[in-house]
Amino acid sequence: MKKIIFAGILLLICFSSCTEDENLFMSNGTITGIDIRECSCCGGYFIDINDSTYRFYTIPAGSDVQLQNPNFPIYVKLDWAKADTVCLGDEIKVLRIGKR
């Protein structure tokens, strides 16, 4: 009987440790500054992700990253996707973001 109880507890521990961490993010990035160029496709913020520089315009509400009076660089973790409508080709949409 002790062996059955021990095996049951062992299985319970194994299954409970197999949960995914919902807090994992797709990438790490660094928000480096504001795009102040004066062109029809310019504006937003520059962000470096995996040795490439992209731009984004907004972040999701409720994130802990503040872009009002920021001190750059801002080190972040984020989920992102290429923007649906692109002008210069470097635009992304930030799906989820948090400070590192």
C-alpha atoms as a PDB file:
ATOM      1  CA  MET A   1       0.000   0.000   0.000  1.00  0.00           C
ATOM      2  CA  LYS A   2       2.877   2.361   0.784  1.00  0.00           C
ATOM      3  CA  LYS A   3       4.304   1.767  -2.693  1.00  0.00           C
ATOM      4  CA  ILE A   4       1.006   2.768  -4.339  1.00  0.00           C
ATOM      5  CA  ILE A   5       0.733   5.945  -2.261  1.00  0.00           C
ATOM      6  CA  PHE A   6       4.382   6.792  -2.962  1.00  0.00           C
ATOM      7  CA  ALA A   7       3.882   6.220  -6.711  1.00  0.00           C
ATOM      8  CA  GLY A   8       0.750   8.406  -6.664  1.00  0.00           C
ATOM      9  CA  ILE A   9       2.559  11.237  -4.900  1.00  0.00           C
ATOM     10  CA  LEU A  10       5.485  10.943  -7.304  1.00  0.00           C
ATOM     11  CA  LEU A  11       3.157  11.165 -10.323  1.00  0.00           C
ATOM     12  CA  LEU A  12       1.374  14.163  -8.814  1.00  0.00           C
ATOM     13  CA  ILE A  13       4.686  15.978  -8.343  1.00  0.00           C
ATOM     14  CA  CYS A  14       5.780  15.168 -11.904  1.00  0.00           C
ATOM     15  CA  PHE A  15       2.551  16.434 -13.473  1.00  0.00           C
ATOM     16  CA  SER A  16       2.441  19.612 -11.385  1.00  0.00           C
ATOM     17  CA  SER A  17       5.997  20.537 -12.406  1.00  0.00           C
ATOM     18  CA  CYS A  18       5.166  20.379 -16.126  1.00  0.00           C
ATOM     19  CA  THR A  19       3.320  23.698 -16.299  1.00  0.00           C
ATOM     20  CA  GLU A  20       4.495  26.364 -18.720  1.00  0.00           C
ATOM     21  CA  ASP A  21       5.698  29.681 -17.395  1.00  0.00           C
ATOM     22  CA  GLU A  22       3.207  32.232 -18.728  1.00  0.00           C
ATOM     23  CA  ASN A  23       5.628  35.060 -17.963  1.00  0.00           C
ATOM     24  CA  LEU A  24       8.152  34.102 -20.637  1.00  0.00           C
ATOM     25  CA  PHE A  25       8.600  36.730 -23.322  1.00  0.00           C
ATOM     26  CA  MET A  26       9.567  36.291 -26.953  1.00  0.00           C
ATOM     27  CA  SER A  27      12.534  38.721 -26.984  1.00  0.00           C
ATOM     28  CA  ASN A  28      14.673  41.080 -24.979  1.00  0.00           C
ATOM     29  CA  GLY A  29      14.998  44.594 -26.313  1.00  0.00           C
ATOM     30  CA  THR A  30      16.345  48.057 -25.593  1.00  0.00           C
ATOM     31  CA  ILE A  31      14.261  51.157 -26.256  1.00  0.00           C
ATOM     32  CA  THR A  32      16.931  53.622 -27.343  1.00  0.00           C
ATOM     33  CA  GLY A  33      15.035  56.807 -28.092  1.00  0.00           C
ATOM     34  CA  ILE A  34      12.330  58.739 -29.884  1.00  0.00           C
ATOM     35  CA  ASP A  35      12.230  58.976 -33.678  1.00  0.00           C
ATOM     36  CA  ILE A  36      12.187  62.754 -34.203  1.00  0.00           C
ATOM     37  CA  ARG A  37      12.701  62.668 -37.963  1.00  0.00           C
ATOM     38  CA  GLU A  38      10.228  64.771 -39.916  1.00  0.00           C
ATOM     39  CA  CYS A  39       8.896  62.531 -42.664  1.00  0.00           C
ATOM     40  CA  SER A  40       5.476  61.098 -43.366  1.00  0.00           C
ATOM     41  CA  CYS A  41       6.479  57.637 -42.084  1.00  0.00           C
ATOM     42  CA  CYS A  42       8.586  58.728 -39.122  1.00  0.00           C
ATOM     43  CA  GLY A  43       7.779  58.937 -35.442  1.00  0.00           C
ATOM     44  CA  GLY A  44       7.445  56.504 -32.591  1.00  0.00           C
ATOM     45  CA  TYR A  45      10.260  54.922 -30.614  1.00  0.00           C
ATOM     46  CA  PHE A  46      13.408  53.069 -31.655  1.00  0.00           C
ATOM     47  CA  ILE A  47      13.968  49.628 -30.146  1.00  0.00           C
ATOM     48  CA  ASP A  48      16.920  47.274 -30.636  1.00  0.00           C
ATOM     49  CA  ILE A  49      16.005  43.578 -30.784  1.00  0.00           C
ATOM     50  CA  ASN A  50      18.510  40.861 -31.747  1.00  0.00           C
ATOM     51  CA  ASP A  51      21.007  43.241 -33.395  1.00  0.00           C
ATOM     52  CA  SER A  52      18.279  44.939 -35.479  1.00  0.00           C
ATOM     53  CA  THR A  53      16.614  48.304 -34.943  1.00  0.00           C
ATOM     54  CA  TYR A  54      12.845  48.590 -35.253  1.00  0.00           C
ATOM     55  CA  ARG A  55      10.246  51.247 -34.484  1.00  0.00           C
ATOM     56  CA  PHE A  56       6.955  51.062 -32.629  1.00  0.00           C
ATOM     57  CA  TYR A  57       4.290  53.662 -31.949  1.00  0.00           C
ATOM     58  CA  THR A  58       2.388  52.440 -28.885  1.00  0.00           C
ATOM     59  CA  ILE A  59       2.600  49.924 -26.077  1.00  0.00           C
ATOM     60  CA  PRO A  60      -0.281  47.955 -24.563  1.00  0.00           C
ATOM     61  CA  ALA A  61      -2.164  49.583 -21.706  1.00  0.00           C
ATOM     62  CA  GLY A  62      -1.261  48.327 -18.262  1.00  0.00           C
ATOM     63  CA  SER A  63       2.409  47.628 -18.951  1.00  0.00           C
ATOM     64  CA  ASP A  64       5.029  48.721 -16.424  1.00  0.00           C
ATOM     65  CA  VAL A  65       7.049  50.565 -19.094  1.00  0.00           C
ATOM     66  CA  GLN A  66       6.472  54.315 -18.980  1.00  0.00           C
ATOM     67  CA  LEU A  67       7.207  56.379 -22.075  1.00  0.00           C
ATOM     68  CA  GLN A  68       6.237  59.736 -20.528  1.00  0.00           C
ATOM     69  CA  ASN A  69       9.501  61.619 -19.780  1.00  0.00           C
ATOM     70  CA  PRO A  70      11.645  58.493 -20.255  1.00  0.00           C
ATOM     71  CA  ASN A  71      15.317  58.030 -19.420  1.00  0.00           C
ATOM     72  CA  PHE A  72      16.850  56.081 -22.307  1.00  0.00           C
ATOM     73  CA  PRO A  73      17.949  53.349 -22.716  1.00  0.00           C
ATOM     74  CA  ILE A  74      15.052  51.322 -21.310  1.00  0.00           C
ATOM     75  CA  TYR A  75      15.735  47.581 -21.056  1.00  0.00           C
ATOM     76  CA  VAL A  76      12.611  45.553 -21.771  1.00  0.00           C
ATOM     77  CA  LYS A  77      11.280  42.078 -22.503  1.00  0.00           C
ATOM     78  CA  LEU A  78       8.521  41.889 -25.081  1.00  0.00           C
ATOM     79  CA  ASP A  79       6.292  39.959 -27.431  1.00  0.00           C
ATOM     80  CA  TRP A  80       6.038  41.580 -30.838  1.00  0.00           C
ATOM     81  CA  ALA A  81       5.106  41.082 -34.484  1.00  0.00           C
ATOM     82  CA  LYS A  82       5.830  42.885 -37.723  1.00  0.00           C
ATOM     83  CA  ALA A  83       3.287  45.653 -38.277  1.00  0.00           C
ATOM     84  CA  ASP A  84       0.466  44.955 -40.723  1.00  0.00           C
ATOM     85  CA  THR A  85       0.836  48.300 -42.456  1.00  0.00           C
ATOM     86  CA  VAL A  86       4.434  49.257 -43.060  1.00  0.00           C
ATOM     87  CA  CYS A  87       5.900  52.403 -44.483  1.00  0.00           C
ATOM     88  CA  LEU A  88       9.663  52.197 -43.997  1.00  0.00           C
ATOM     89  CA  GLY A  89       9.674  48.458 -43.259  1.00  0.00           C
ATOM     90  CA  ASP A  90      11.015  48.726 -39.715  1.00  0.00           C
ATOM     91  CA  GLU A  91       7.700  49.020 -37.891  1.00  0.00           C
ATOM     92  CA  ILE A  92       6.587  46.468 -35.315  1.00  0.00           C
ATOM     93  CA  LYS A  93       3.541  46.069 -33.112  1.00  0.00           C
ATOM     94  CA  VAL A  94       4.283  45.504 -29.432  1.00  0.00           C
ATOM     95  CA  LEU A  95       1.909  42.829 -28.145  1.00  0.00           C
ATOM     96  CA  ARG A  96       3.189  42.659 -24.552  1.00  0.00           C
ATOM     97  CA  ILE A  97       6.039  44.462 -22.805  1.00  0.00           C
ATOM     98  CA  GLY A  98       7.660  44.668 -19.380  1.00  0.00           C
ATOM     99  CA  LYS A  99      10.838  45.975 -17.787  1.00  0.00           C
ATOM    100  CA  ARG A 100      13.843  43.675 -17.432  1.00  0.00           C
END
